[in-house]
Amino acid sequence: MTPEQDSNGFDNLLAGKLVLGEPLKVGGTTLVPVISVTAGYGKFSDTNGGGGGFLLNPVAIVAIHGESTQVYSLQRQGTVEELSSVLDELIDTDLREVPKL
């Protein structure tokens, strides 16, 4: 198998829908997780072995409410507290609309 053939499998995997969760609707707001995907692989021709791995990092959450869109970065300090405050407001608005997990 050539390196080009090896990489086609990864291209197909990354081009498909990688499901880590569905967007969450809370009241009139939709929360969409944003992730960073890193993949690496290699093979050793002299031993017919190889390996690979993926790294998935949460990067941000996008909150969509009507015509308004806000992006909350999970990379900077204080963002989790900021997002928690927003979620508290959304949940207090209409707790009955929170989907059951």
N, C-alpha and C. Protein backbone atom coordinates (compact mmCIF):
# COMPACT_ATOMS: atom_id res chain seq x y z
N MET A 1 0.84 -1.17 0.00
CA MET A 1 0.00 0.00 0.00
C MET A 1 0.89 1.24 0.00
N THR A 2 0.57 2.21 -0.82
CA THR A 2 1.37 3.42 -0.92
C THR A 2 0.94 4.42 0.15
N PRO A 3 1.80 5.41 0.46
CA PRO A 3 1.39 6.44 1.42
C PRO A 3 0.13 7.18 0.97
N GLU A 4 -0.02 7.35 -0.35
CA GLU A 4 -1.22 8.03 -0.86
C GLU A 4 -2.47 7.21 -0.54
N GLN A 5 -2.39 5.89 -0.70
CA GLN A 5 -3.53 5.04 -0.39
C GLN A 5 -3.81 5.04 1.11
N ASP A 6 -2.76 5.04 1.92
CA ASP A 6 -2.94 5.10 3.37
C ASP A 6 -3.69 6.36 3.78
N SER A 7 -3.31 7.50 3.19
CA SER A 7 -3.92 8.76 3.60
C SER A 7 -5.35 8.90 3.13
N ASN A 8 -5.76 8.18 2.09
CA ASN A 8 -7.14 8.27 1.63
C ASN A 8 -8.13 7.86 2.72
N GLY A 9 -7.79 6.87 3.50
CA GLY A 9 -8.67 6.45 4.59
C GLY A 9 -8.87 7.57 5.61
N PHE A 10 -7.80 8.27 5.96
CA PHE A 10 -7.91 9.38 6.89
C PHE A 10 -8.68 10.54 6.28
N ASP A 11 -8.46 10.81 4.99
CA ASP A 11 -9.20 11.88 4.33
C ASP A 11 -10.69 11.59 4.38
N ASN A 12 -11.07 10.35 4.11
CA ASN A 12 -12.49 9.99 4.14
C ASN A 12 -13.06 10.10 5.55
N LEU A 13 -12.29 9.71 6.55
CA LEU A 13 -12.75 9.81 7.92
C LEU A 13 -12.98 11.26 8.32
N LEU A 14 -12.02 12.12 8.00
CA LEU A 14 -12.12 13.52 8.40
C LEU A 14 -13.15 14.28 7.58
N ALA A 15 -13.41 13.83 6.35
CA ALA A 15 -14.40 14.51 5.51
C ALA A 15 -15.81 14.14 5.93
N GLY A 16 -15.99 13.00 6.61
CA GLY A 16 -17.30 12.56 7.05
C GLY A 16 -17.73 13.32 8.29
N LYS A 17 -18.93 12.99 8.76
CA LYS A 17 -19.45 13.64 9.96
C LYS A 17 -18.87 12.95 11.19
N LEU A 18 -18.04 13.65 11.91
CA LEU A 18 -17.46 13.14 13.14
C LEU A 18 -18.36 13.59 14.27
N VAL A 19 -19.13 12.69 14.84
CA VAL A 19 -20.14 13.05 15.83
C VAL A 19 -19.54 13.02 17.22
N LEU A 20 -19.51 14.15 17.87
CA LEU A 20 -19.09 14.24 19.26
C LEU A 20 -20.24 14.71 20.12
N GLY A 21 -21.36 14.93 19.49
CA GLY A 21 -22.54 15.42 20.18
C GLY A 21 -23.34 16.28 19.24
N GLU A 22 -24.59 16.37 19.51
CA GLU A 22 -25.48 17.20 18.69
C GLU A 22 -25.53 18.60 19.28
N PRO A 23 -25.84 19.61 18.44
CA PRO A 23 -26.07 20.94 19.00
C PRO A 23 -27.18 20.85 20.05
N LEU A 24 -27.04 21.59 21.11
CA LEU A 24 -27.98 21.56 22.22
C LEU A 24 -28.89 22.77 22.15
N LYS A 25 -30.21 22.55 22.14
CA LYS A 25 -31.16 23.66 22.14
C LYS A 25 -31.64 23.88 23.56
N VAL A 26 -31.48 25.11 24.03
CA VAL A 26 -31.95 25.51 25.35
C VAL A 26 -32.82 26.73 25.15
N GLY A 27 -34.12 26.57 25.36
CA GLY A 27 -35.03 27.67 25.08
C GLY A 27 -34.94 28.03 23.62
N GLY A 28 -34.70 29.28 23.31
CA GLY A 28 -34.55 29.73 21.93
C GLY A 28 -33.11 29.81 21.47
N THR A 29 -32.19 29.25 22.24
CA THR A 29 -30.76 29.33 21.93
C THR A 29 -30.22 27.95 21.56
N THR A 30 -29.39 27.91 20.53
CA THR A 30 -28.72 26.68 20.12
C THR A 30 -27.24 26.80 20.45
N LEU A 31 -26.70 25.81 21.16
CA LEU A 31 -25.29 25.78 21.52
C LEU A 31 -24.59 24.74 20.66
N VAL A 32 -23.53 25.16 19.96
CA VAL A 32 -22.80 24.29 19.04
C VAL A 32 -21.34 24.17 19.50
N PRO A 33 -20.88 22.95 19.81
CA PRO A 33 -19.48 22.79 20.21
C PRO A 33 -18.56 22.87 19.00
N VAL A 34 -17.39 23.49 19.18
CA VAL A 34 -16.38 23.58 18.12
C VAL A 34 -15.14 22.87 18.64
N ILE A 35 -14.60 21.95 17.83
CA ILE A 35 -13.43 21.19 18.25
C ILE A 35 -12.32 21.32 17.23
N SER A 36 -11.12 21.06 17.69
CA SER A 36 -9.95 20.98 16.83
C SER A 36 -9.56 19.51 16.75
N VAL A 37 -9.36 19.01 15.53
CA VAL A 37 -8.98 17.62 15.33
C VAL A 37 -7.57 17.58 14.74
N THR A 38 -6.68 16.84 15.40
CA THR A 38 -5.32 16.64 14.90
C THR A 38 -5.11 15.14 14.74
N ALA A 39 -4.57 14.75 13.59
CA ALA A 39 -4.33 13.33 13.33
C ALA A 39 -2.88 13.14 12.91
N GLY A 40 -2.32 12.04 13.34
CA GLY A 40 -0.96 11.70 12.93
C GLY A 40 -0.82 10.20 12.80
N TYR A 41 -0.02 9.79 11.86
CA TYR A 41 0.21 8.36 11.68
C TYR A 41 1.54 8.14 10.98
N GLY A 42 2.01 6.94 11.06
CA GLY A 42 3.26 6.58 10.41
C GLY A 42 3.38 5.08 10.30
N LYS A 43 4.31 4.66 9.46
CA LYS A 43 4.54 3.22 9.36
C LYS A 43 6.03 2.97 9.25
N PHE A 44 6.41 1.80 9.66
CA PHE A 44 7.80 1.39 9.63
C PHE A 44 7.93 0.28 8.59
N SER A 45 8.52 0.59 7.45
CA SER A 45 8.58 -0.39 6.37
C SER A 45 9.47 -1.58 6.69
N ASP A 46 10.48 -1.38 7.51
CA ASP A 46 11.38 -2.50 7.80
C ASP A 46 10.76 -3.51 8.78
N THR A 47 9.74 -3.12 9.54
CA THR A 47 9.12 -4.05 10.49
C THR A 47 7.65 -4.30 10.18
N ASN A 48 7.15 -3.73 9.10
CA ASN A 48 5.73 -3.87 8.74
C ASN A 48 4.81 -3.46 9.88
N GLY A 49 5.21 -2.45 10.62
CA GLY A 49 4.39 -1.96 11.72
C GLY A 49 4.07 -0.50 11.52
N GLY A 50 3.28 0.03 12.37
CA GLY A 50 2.93 1.43 12.29
C GLY A 50 2.05 1.83 13.45
N GLY A 51 1.62 3.06 13.42
CA GLY A 51 0.74 3.54 14.48
C GLY A 51 0.14 4.87 14.10
N GLY A 52 -0.77 5.29 14.90
CA GLY A 52 -1.42 6.56 14.64
C GLY A 52 -2.21 7.01 15.85
N GLY A 53 -2.70 8.20 15.75
CA GLY A 53 -3.50 8.72 16.85
C GLY A 53 -4.24 9.98 16.46
N PHE A 54 -5.23 10.30 17.26
CA PHE A 54 -6.02 11.51 17.07
C PHE A 54 -6.03 12.29 18.37
N LEU A 55 -6.09 13.60 18.25
CA LEU A 55 -6.21 14.48 19.39
C LEU A 55 -7.41 15.38 19.14
N LEU A 56 -8.38 15.36 20.04
CA LEU A 56 -9.57 16.20 19.93
C LEU A 56 -9.56 17.19 21.08
N ASN A 57 -9.62 18.48 20.76
CA ASN A 57 -9.62 19.53 21.77
C ASN A 57 -10.84 20.40 21.62
N PRO A 58 -11.60 20.63 22.71
CA PRO A 58 -12.68 21.61 22.63
C PRO A 58 -12.08 23.00 22.49
N VAL A 59 -12.56 23.76 21.53
CA VAL A 59 -11.99 25.07 21.25
C VAL A 59 -12.94 26.19 21.64
N ALA A 60 -14.22 26.02 21.34
CA ALA A 60 -15.19 27.09 21.58
C ALA A 60 -16.60 26.52 21.60
N ILE A 61 -17.52 27.36 22.04
CA ILE A 61 -18.94 27.06 21.93
C ILE A 61 -19.59 28.25 21.25
N VAL A 62 -20.39 27.96 20.22
CA VAL A 62 -21.11 29.00 19.50
C VAL A 62 -22.55 29.00 20.02
N ALA A 63 -23.03 30.16 20.46
CA ALA A 63 -24.40 30.30 20.93
C ALA A 63 -25.17 31.10 19.88
N ILE A 64 -26.23 30.50 19.34
CA ILE A 64 -27.05 31.14 18.31
C ILE A 64 -28.43 31.39 18.90
N HIS A 65 -28.84 32.66 18.92
CA HIS A 65 -30.15 33.04 19.45
C HIS A 65 -30.78 34.03 18.47
N GLY A 66 -31.74 33.56 17.70
CA GLY A 66 -32.37 34.42 16.69
C GLY A 66 -31.34 34.86 15.67
N GLU A 67 -31.18 36.16 15.51
CA GLU A 67 -30.20 36.72 14.56
C GLU A 67 -28.84 36.95 15.21
N SER A 68 -28.74 36.70 16.51
CA SER A 68 -27.51 36.96 17.25
C SER A 68 -26.67 35.69 17.38
N THR A 69 -25.37 35.83 17.17
CA THR A 69 -24.43 34.72 17.33
C THR A 69 -23.26 35.18 18.19
N GLN A 70 -22.95 34.39 19.21
CA GLN A 70 -21.80 34.70 20.07
C GLN A 70 -20.89 33.48 20.12
N VAL A 71 -19.59 33.74 20.12
CA VAL A 71 -18.60 32.67 20.21
C VAL A 71 -17.88 32.80 21.54
N TYR A 72 -17.88 31.71 22.30
CA TYR A 72 -17.20 31.67 23.59
C TYR A 72 -15.97 30.78 23.46
N SER A 73 -14.81 31.38 23.48
CA SER A 73 -13.56 30.62 23.38
C SER A 73 -13.33 29.86 24.67
N LEU A 74 -12.93 28.63 24.57
CA LEU A 74 -12.59 27.84 25.74
C LEU A 74 -11.09 27.85 25.99
N GLN A 75 -10.37 28.66 25.22
CA GLN A 75 -8.91 28.71 25.31
C GLN A 75 -8.40 29.81 26.23
N ARG A 76 -9.21 30.83 26.49
CA ARG A 76 -8.72 31.92 27.33
C ARG A 76 -9.30 31.81 28.74
N GLN A 77 -8.61 32.38 29.69
CA GLN A 77 -8.99 32.27 31.09
C GLN A 77 -10.28 33.04 31.36
N GLY A 78 -11.14 32.48 32.18
CA GLY A 78 -12.37 33.15 32.56
C GLY A 78 -13.54 32.83 31.66
N THR A 79 -13.31 32.16 30.55
CA THR A 79 -14.37 31.88 29.59
C THR A 79 -15.38 30.89 30.14
N VAL A 80 -14.91 29.89 30.87
CA VAL A 80 -15.83 28.88 31.42
C VAL A 80 -16.81 29.55 32.38
N GLU A 81 -16.32 30.46 33.20
CA GLU A 81 -17.20 31.17 34.12
C GLU A 81 -18.20 32.04 33.35
N GLU A 82 -17.72 32.70 32.29
CA GLU A 82 -18.58 33.54 31.46
C GLU A 82 -19.67 32.69 30.81
N LEU A 83 -19.30 31.56 30.27
CA LEU A 83 -20.25 30.66 29.62
C LEU A 83 -21.23 30.10 30.65
N SER A 84 -20.75 29.76 31.82
CA SER A 84 -21.61 29.24 32.88
C SER A 84 -22.69 30.25 33.26
N SER A 85 -22.32 31.52 33.32
CA SER A 85 -23.27 32.58 33.63
C SER A 85 -24.35 32.67 32.55
N VAL A 86 -23.94 32.59 31.28
CA VAL A 86 -24.90 32.65 30.17
C VAL A 86 -25.83 31.45 30.22
N LEU A 87 -25.27 30.26 30.48
CA LEU A 87 -26.10 29.05 30.56
C LEU A 87 -27.10 29.14 31.70
N ASP A 88 -26.68 29.69 32.84
CA ASP A 88 -27.61 29.87 33.96
C ASP A 88 -28.79 30.73 33.55
N GLU A 89 -28.52 31.81 32.82
CA GLU A 89 -29.60 32.69 32.36
C GLU A 89 -30.53 31.95 31.41
N LEU A 90 -29.96 31.18 30.48
CA LEU A 90 -30.77 30.45 29.52
C LEU A 90 -31.64 29.41 30.22
N ILE A 91 -31.06 28.70 31.16
CA ILE A 91 -31.82 27.65 31.86
C ILE A 91 -32.91 28.27 32.71
N ASP A 92 -32.63 29.39 33.37
CA ASP A 92 -33.65 30.07 34.17
C ASP A 92 -34.78 30.59 33.30
N THR A 93 -34.49 30.92 32.04
CA THR A 93 -35.51 31.45 31.14
C THR A 93 -36.62 30.44 30.91
N ASP A 94 -36.27 29.20 30.61
CA ASP A 94 -37.29 28.19 30.35
C ASP A 94 -36.71 26.80 30.57
N LEU A 95 -36.72 26.36 31.79
CA LEU A 95 -36.13 25.07 32.16
C LEU A 95 -36.86 23.90 31.50
N ARG A 96 -38.12 24.06 31.17
CA ARG A 96 -38.89 22.96 30.59
C ARG A 96 -38.39 22.57 29.21
N GLU A 97 -37.69 23.46 28.52
CA GLU A 97 -37.26 23.17 27.16
C GLU A 97 -35.89 22.51 27.08
N VAL A 98 -35.25 22.26 28.21
CA VAL A 98 -33.94 21.61 28.20
C VAL A 98 -34.14 20.14 27.87
N PRO A 99 -33.47 19.62 26.82
CA PRO A 99 -33.64 18.21 26.47
C PRO A 99 -33.11 17.30 27.56
N LYS A 100 -33.78 16.17 27.73
CA LYS A 100 -33.32 15.19 28.72
C LYS A 100 -32.22 14.35 28.11
N LEU A 101 -31.15 14.15 28.86
CA LEU A 101 -30.02 13.37 28.37
C LEU A 101 -30.18 11.92 28.70
